[in-house]
Amino acid sequence: MKTLEHYMNDPSIVHLQMPLREVKAIRLMIYDEEKDMTPDELRERYRKHKQRLYDEFGITTVASAR
């Protein structure tokens, strides 16, 4: 797995100012991680991420409140 530093030095974004370059580097990293995933794998990844956020912020859904 490539590090964020690798993406920060990508020739297509090195000319950008640092804040925008960081955002673009993170987007490149996420794209590389997800590009070969099946729709089911992506759905599960996003479901787990959503649940972590719900747990972190104490959010309950209508379905889980029953």
PDB file of N, CA and C in Angstrom:
ATOM      1  N   MET A   1       0.841  -1.179   0.000  1.00  0.00           N
ATOM      2  CA  MET A   1       0.000   0.000   0.000  1.00  0.00           C
ATOM      3  C   MET A   1       0.890   1.248   0.000  1.00  0.00           C
ATOM      4  N   LYS A   2       0.558   2.179  -0.855  1.00  0.00           N
ATOM      5  CA  LYS A   2       1.328   3.409  -0.958  1.00  0.00           C
ATOM      6  C   LYS A   2       0.961   4.347   0.182  1.00  0.00           C
ATOM      7  N   THR A   3       1.920   5.153   0.586  1.00  0.00           N
ATOM      8  CA  THR A   3       1.690   6.100   1.674  1.00  0.00           C
ATOM      9  C   THR A   3       1.143   7.408   1.124  1.00  0.00           C
ATOM     10  N   LEU A   4       0.626   8.226   2.014  1.00  0.00           N
ATOM     11  CA  LEU A   4       0.121   9.538   1.613  1.00  0.00           C
ATOM     12  C   LEU A   4       1.247  10.370   1.005  1.00  0.00           C
ATOM     13  N   GLU A   5       2.453  10.219   1.517  1.00  0.00           N
ATOM     14  CA  GLU A   5       3.602  10.960   0.987  1.00  0.00           C
ATOM     15  C   GLU A   5       3.811  10.658  -0.494  1.00  0.00           C
ATOM     16  N   HIS A   6       3.623   9.406  -0.871  1.00  0.00           N
ATOM     17  CA  HIS A   6       3.744   9.025  -2.282  1.00  0.00           C
ATOM     18  C   HIS A   6       2.749   9.822  -3.133  1.00  0.00           C
ATOM     19  N   TYR A   7       1.534   9.913  -2.679  1.00  0.00           N
ATOM     20  CA  TYR A   7       0.504  10.633  -3.434  1.00  0.00           C
ATOM     21  C   TYR A   7       0.745  12.144  -3.423  1.00  0.00           C
ATOM     22  N   MET A   8       1.308  12.660  -2.336  1.00  0.00           N
ATOM     23  CA  MET A   8       1.605  14.095  -2.250  1.00  0.00           C
ATOM     24  C   MET A   8       2.625  14.505  -3.309  1.00  0.00           C
ATOM     25  N   ASN A   9       3.463  13.567  -3.726  1.00  0.00           N
ATOM     26  CA  ASN A   9       4.486  13.850  -4.725  1.00  0.00           C
ATOM     27  C   ASN A   9       4.074  13.447  -6.134  1.00  0.00           C
ATOM     28  N   ASP A  10       2.806  13.159  -6.335  1.00  0.00           N
ATOM     29  CA  ASP A  10       2.308  12.796  -7.654  1.00  0.00           C
ATOM     30  C   ASP A  10       2.510  13.979  -8.607  1.00  0.00           C
ATOM     31  N   PRO A  11       3.102  13.738  -9.773  1.00  0.00           N
ATOM     32  CA  PRO A  11       3.390  14.839 -10.703  1.00  0.00           C
ATOM     33  C   PRO A  11       2.163  15.649 -11.130  1.00  0.00           C
ATOM     34  N   SER A  12       0.997  15.044 -11.101  1.00  0.00           N
ATOM     35  CA  SER A  12      -0.195  15.770 -11.547  1.00  0.00           C
ATOM     36  C   SER A  12      -0.695  16.787 -10.521  1.00  0.00           C
ATOM     37  N   ILE A  13      -0.190  16.725  -9.270  1.00  0.00           N
ATOM     38  CA  ILE A  13      -0.689  17.657  -8.254  1.00  0.00           C
ATOM     39  C   ILE A  13       0.402  18.453  -7.545  1.00  0.00           C
ATOM     40  N   VAL A  14       1.677  18.220  -7.849  1.00  0.00           N
ATOM     41  CA  VAL A  14       2.741  18.916  -7.107  1.00  0.00           C
ATOM     42  C   VAL A  14       2.713  20.433  -7.295  1.00  0.00           C
ATOM     43  N   HIS A  15       2.091  20.915  -8.336  1.00  0.00           N
ATOM     44  CA  HIS A  15       2.033  22.355  -8.580  1.00  0.00           C
ATOM     45  C   HIS A  15       0.968  23.061  -7.737  1.00  0.00           C
ATOM     46  N   LEU A  16       0.097  22.305  -7.081  1.00  0.00           N
ATOM     47  CA  LEU A  16      -1.007  22.897  -6.319  1.00  0.00           C
ATOM     48  C   LEU A  16      -0.533  23.401  -4.963  1.00  0.00           C
ATOM     49  N   GLN A  17      -1.279  24.341  -4.391  1.00  0.00           N
ATOM     50  CA  GLN A  17      -0.981  24.804  -3.036  1.00  0.00           C
ATOM     51  C   GLN A  17      -1.251  23.672  -2.059  1.00  0.00           C
ATOM     52  N   MET A  18      -0.582  23.688  -0.925  1.00  0.00           N
ATOM     53  CA  MET A  18      -0.576  22.562  -0.001  1.00  0.00           C
ATOM     54  C   MET A  18      -1.966  22.080   0.435  1.00  0.00           C
ATOM     55  N   PRO A  19      -2.886  22.936   0.873  1.00  0.00           N
ATOM     56  CA  PRO A  19      -4.181  22.387   1.309  1.00  0.00           C
ATOM     57  C   PRO A  19      -4.910  21.616   0.207  1.00  0.00           C
ATOM     58  N   LEU A  20      -4.924  22.170  -0.984  1.00  0.00           N
ATOM     59  CA  LEU A  20      -5.587  21.496  -2.090  1.00  0.00           C
ATOM     60  C   LEU A  20      -4.825  20.237  -2.497  1.00  0.00           C
ATOM     61  N   ARG A  21      -3.518  20.300  -2.413  1.00  0.00           N
ATOM     62  CA  ARG A  21      -2.695  19.139  -2.754  1.00  0.00           C
ATOM     63  C   ARG A  21      -2.969  17.975  -1.802  1.00  0.00           C
ATOM     64  N   GLU A  22      -3.152  18.285  -0.524  1.00  0.00           N
ATOM     65  CA  GLU A  22      -3.476  17.236   0.453  1.00  0.00           C
ATOM     66  C   GLU A  22      -4.813  16.580   0.127  1.00  0.00           C
ATOM     67  N   VAL A  23      -5.806  17.390  -0.184  1.00  0.00           N
ATOM     68  CA  VAL A  23      -7.127  16.856  -0.520  1.00  0.00           C
ATOM     69  C   VAL A  23      -7.043  15.972  -1.759  1.00  0.00           C
ATOM     70  N   LYS A  24      -6.371  16.459  -2.785  1.00  0.00           N
ATOM     71  CA  LYS A  24      -6.241  15.682  -4.022  1.00  0.00           C
ATOM     72  C   LYS A  24      -5.469  14.381  -3.775  1.00  0.00           C
ATOM     73  N   ALA A  25      -4.432  14.427  -2.940  1.00  0.00           N
ATOM     74  CA  ALA A  25      -3.649  13.228  -2.633  1.00  0.00           C
ATOM     75  C   ALA A  25      -4.507  12.189  -1.918  1.00  0.00           C
ATOM     76  N   ILE A  26      -5.333  12.633  -0.991  1.00  0.00           N
ATOM     77  CA  ILE A  26      -6.224  11.714  -0.277  1.00  0.00           C
ATOM     78  C   ILE A  26      -7.229  11.105  -1.243  1.00  0.00           C
ATOM     79  N   ARG A  27      -7.757  11.918  -2.154  1.00  0.00           N
ATOM     80  CA  ARG A  27      -8.706  11.390  -3.145  1.00  0.00           C
ATOM     81  C   ARG A  27      -8.036  10.361  -4.057  1.00  0.00           C
ATOM     82  N   LEU A  28      -6.786  10.607  -4.441  1.00  0.00           N
ATOM     83  CA  LEU A  28      -6.051   9.639  -5.256  1.00  0.00           C
ATOM     84  C   LEU A  28      -5.845   8.328  -4.492  1.00  0.00           C
ATOM     85  N   MET A  29      -5.530   8.440  -3.211  1.00  0.00           N
ATOM     86  CA  MET A  29      -5.307   7.254  -2.385  1.00  0.00           C
ATOM     87  C   MET A  29      -6.593   6.441  -2.262  1.00  0.00           C
ATOM     88  N   ILE A  30      -7.705   7.097  -2.003  1.00  0.00           N
ATOM     89  CA  ILE A  30      -8.985   6.401  -1.891  1.00  0.00           C
ATOM     90  C   ILE A  30      -9.345   5.743  -3.217  1.00  0.00           C
ATOM     91  N   TYR A  31      -9.134   6.446  -4.311  1.00  0.00           N
ATOM     92  CA  TYR A  31      -9.427   5.871  -5.622  1.00  0.00           C
ATOM     93  C   TYR A  31      -8.622   4.589  -5.839  1.00  0.00           C
ATOM     94  N   ASP A  32      -7.323   4.626  -5.532  1.00  0.00           N
ATOM     95  CA  ASP A  32      -6.487   3.440  -5.718  1.00  0.00           C
ATOM     96  C   ASP A  32      -6.945   2.268  -4.841  1.00  0.00           C
ATOM     97  N   GLU A  33      -7.408   2.576  -3.632  1.00  0.00           N
ATOM     98  CA  GLU A  33      -7.881   1.517  -2.736  1.00  0.00           C
ATOM     99  C   GLU A  33      -9.171   0.891  -3.235  1.00  0.00           C
ATOM    100  N   GLU A  34     -10.036   1.688  -3.852  1.00  0.00           N
ATOM    101  CA  GLU A  34     -11.369   1.215  -4.210  1.00  0.00           C
ATOM    102  C   GLU A  34     -11.545   0.815  -5.670  1.00  0.00           C
ATOM    103  N   LYS A  35     -10.596   1.095  -6.528  1.00  0.00           N
ATOM    104  CA  LYS A  35     -10.814   0.909  -7.968  1.00  0.00           C
ATOM    105  C   LYS A  35     -11.054  -0.536  -8.379  1.00  0.00           C
ATOM    106  N   ASP A  36     -10.543  -1.505  -7.659  1.00  0.00           N
ATOM    107  CA  ASP A  36     -10.724  -2.905  -8.032  1.00  0.00           C
ATOM    108  C   ASP A  36     -11.779  -3.621  -7.190  1.00  0.00           C
ATOM    109  N   MET A  37     -12.506  -2.872  -6.357  1.00  0.00           N
ATOM    110  CA  MET A  37     -13.527  -3.482  -5.513  1.00  0.00           C
ATOM    111  C   MET A  37     -14.806  -3.723  -6.304  1.00  0.00           C
ATOM    112  N   THR A  38     -15.494  -4.790  -5.936  1.00  0.00           N
ATOM    113  CA  THR A  38     -16.791  -5.072  -6.536  1.00  0.00           C
ATOM    114  C   THR A  38     -17.834  -4.156  -5.881  1.00  0.00           C
ATOM    115  N   PRO A  39     -18.996  -4.013  -6.494  1.00  0.00           N
ATOM    116  CA  PRO A  39     -20.047  -3.201  -5.863  1.00  0.00           C
ATOM    117  C   PRO A  39     -20.412  -3.689  -4.456  1.00  0.00           C
ATOM    118  N   ASP A  40     -20.424  -4.992  -4.256  1.00  0.00           N
ATOM    119  CA  ASP A  40     -20.738  -5.519  -2.926  1.00  0.00           C
ATOM    120  C   ASP A  40     -19.654  -5.154  -1.909  1.00  0.00           C
ATOM    121  N   GLU A  41     -18.401  -5.215  -2.326  1.00  0.00           N
ATOM    122  CA  GLU A  41     -17.306  -4.841  -1.428  1.00  0.00           C
ATOM    123  C   GLU A  41     -17.382  -3.357  -1.079  1.00  0.00           C
ATOM    124  N   LEU A  42     -17.670  -2.529  -2.061  1.00  0.00           N
ATOM    125  CA  LEU A  42     -17.807  -1.094  -1.805  1.00  0.00           C
ATOM    126  C   LEU A  42     -18.969  -0.812  -0.864  1.00  0.00           C
ATOM    127  N   ARG A  43     -20.089  -1.451  -1.104  1.00  0.00           N
ATOM    128  CA  ARG A  43     -21.261  -1.262  -0.245  1.00  0.00           C
ATOM    129  C   ARG A  43     -20.932  -1.617   1.204  1.00  0.00           C
ATOM    130  N   GLU A  44     -20.254  -2.731   1.408  1.00  0.00           N
ATOM    131  CA  GLU A  44     -19.886  -3.157   2.757  1.00  0.00           C
ATOM    132  C   GLU A  44     -18.894  -2.182   3.388  1.00  0.00           C
ATOM    133  N   ARG A  45     -17.937  -1.698   2.614  1.00  0.00           N
ATOM    134  CA  ARG A  45     -16.952  -0.730   3.115  1.00  0.00           C
ATOM    135  C   ARG A  45     -17.659   0.531   3.604  1.00  0.00           C
ATOM    136  N   TYR A  46     -18.574   1.058   2.772  1.00  0.00           N
ATOM    137  CA  TYR A  46     -19.290   2.271   3.148  1.00  0.00           C
ATOM    138  C   TYR A  46     -20.252   2.031   4.317  1.00  0.00           C
ATOM    139  N   ARG A  47     -20.854   0.863   4.383  1.00  0.00           N
ATOM    140  CA  ARG A  47     -21.737   0.538   5.500  1.00  0.00           C
ATOM    141  C   ARG A  47     -20.961   0.540   6.813  1.00  0.00           C
ATOM    142  N   LYS A  48     -19.776  -0.085   6.800  1.00  0.00           N
ATOM    143  CA  LYS A  48     -18.946  -0.120   8.011  1.00  0.00           C
ATOM    144  C   LYS A  48     -18.491   1.280   8.414  1.00  0.00           C
ATOM    145  N   HIS A  49     -18.113   2.081   7.419  1.00  0.00           N
ATOM    146  CA  HIS A  49     -17.684   3.448   7.709  1.00  0.00           C
ATOM    147  C   HIS A  49     -18.836   4.254   8.310  1.00  0.00           C
ATOM    148  N   LYS A  50     -20.020   4.108   7.732  1.00  0.00           N
ATOM    149  CA  LYS A  50     -21.199   4.804   8.246  1.00  0.00           C
ATOM    150  C   LYS A  50     -21.469   4.398   9.692  1.00  0.00           C
ATOM    151  N   GLN A  51     -21.376   3.102   9.981  1.00  0.00           N
ATOM    152  CA  GLN A  51     -21.648   2.630  11.333  1.00  0.00           C
ATOM    153  C   GLN A  51     -20.631   3.175  12.331  1.00  0.00           C
ATOM    154  N   ARG A  52     -19.352   3.240  11.925  1.00  0.00           N
ATOM    155  CA  ARG A  52     -18.328   3.812  12.812  1.00  0.00           C
ATOM    156  C   ARG A  52     -18.651   5.269  13.136  1.00  0.00           C
ATOM    157  N   LEU A  53     -19.084   6.033  12.127  1.00  0.00           N
ATOM    158  CA  LEU A  53     -19.448   7.425  12.365  1.00  0.00           C
ATOM    159  C   LEU A  53     -20.671   7.538  13.270  1.00  0.00           C
ATOM    160  N   TYR A  54     -21.671   6.703  13.030  1.00  0.00           N
ATOM    161  CA  TYR A  54     -22.857   6.716  13.885  1.00  0.00           C
ATOM    162  C   TYR A  54     -22.481   6.414  15.332  1.00  0.00           C
ATOM    163  N   ASP A  55     -21.632   5.416  15.529  1.00  0.00           N
ATOM    164  CA  ASP A  55     -21.206   5.062  16.887  1.00  0.00           C
ATOM    165  C   ASP A  55     -20.410   6.195  17.533  1.00  0.00           C
ATOM    166  N   GLU A  56     -19.525   6.800  16.767  1.00  0.00           N
ATOM    167  CA  GLU A  56     -18.677   7.872  17.289  1.00  0.00           C
ATOM    168  C   GLU A  56     -19.494   9.081  17.725  1.00  0.00           C
ATOM    169  N   PHE A  57     -20.531   9.422  16.973  1.00  0.00           N
ATOM    170  CA  PHE A  57     -21.324  10.599  17.279  1.00  0.00           C
ATOM    171  C   PHE A  57     -22.636  10.290  17.995  1.00  0.00           C
ATOM    172  N   GLY A  58     -22.846   9.037  18.354  1.00  0.00           N
ATOM    173  CA  GLY A  58     -24.032   8.664  19.102  1.00  0.00           C
ATOM    174  C   GLY A  58     -25.319   8.783  18.321  1.00  0.00           C
ATOM    175  N   ILE A  59     -25.265   8.550  17.038  1.00  0.00           N
ATOM    176  CA  ILE A  59     -26.440   8.659  16.174  1.00  0.00           C
ATOM    177  C   ILE A  59     -27.150   7.314  16.124  1.00  0.00           C
ATOM    178  N   THR A  60     -28.467   7.350  16.282  1.00  0.00           N
ATOM    179  CA  THR A  60     -29.250   6.135  16.106  1.00  0.00           C
ATOM    180  C   THR A  60     -30.204   6.345  14.951  1.00  0.00           C
ATOM    181  N   THR A  61     -30.468   5.289  14.237  1.00  0.00           N
ATOM    182  CA  THR A  61     -31.395   5.371  13.120  1.00  0.00           C
ATOM    183  C   THR A  61     -32.766   4.903  13.591  1.00  0.00           C
ATOM    184  N   VAL A  62     -33.766   5.170  12.814  1.00  0.00           N
ATOM    185  CA  VAL A  62     -35.123   4.730  13.152  1.00  0.00           C
ATOM    186  C   VAL A  62     -35.162   3.211  13.277  1.00  0.00           C
ATOM    187  N   ALA A  63     -34.512   2.511  12.369  1.00  0.00           N
ATOM    188  CA  ALA A  63     -34.514   1.055  12.392  1.00  0.00           C
ATOM    189  C   ALA A  63     -33.823   0.505  13.636  1.00  0.00           C
ATOM    190  N   SER A  64     -32.735   1.172  14.074  1.00  0.00           N
ATOM    191  CA  SER A  64     -32.014   0.646  15.248  1.00  0.00           C
ATOM    192  C   SER A  64     -32.650   1.106  16.567  1.00  0.00           C
ATOM    193  N   ALA A  65     -33.550   2.083  16.530  1.00  0.00           N
ATOM    194  CA  ALA A  65     -34.192   2.576  17.749  1.00  0.00           C
ATOM    195  C   ALA A  65     -35.387   1.713  18.153  1.00  0.00           C
ATOM    196  N   ARG A  66     -35.824   0.822  17.282  1.00  0.00           N
ATOM    197  CA  ARG A  66     -37.006  -0.018  17.585  1.00  0.00           C
ATOM    198  C   ARG A  66     -36.716  -1.063  18.597  1.00  0.00           C
TER     199      ARG A  66
END
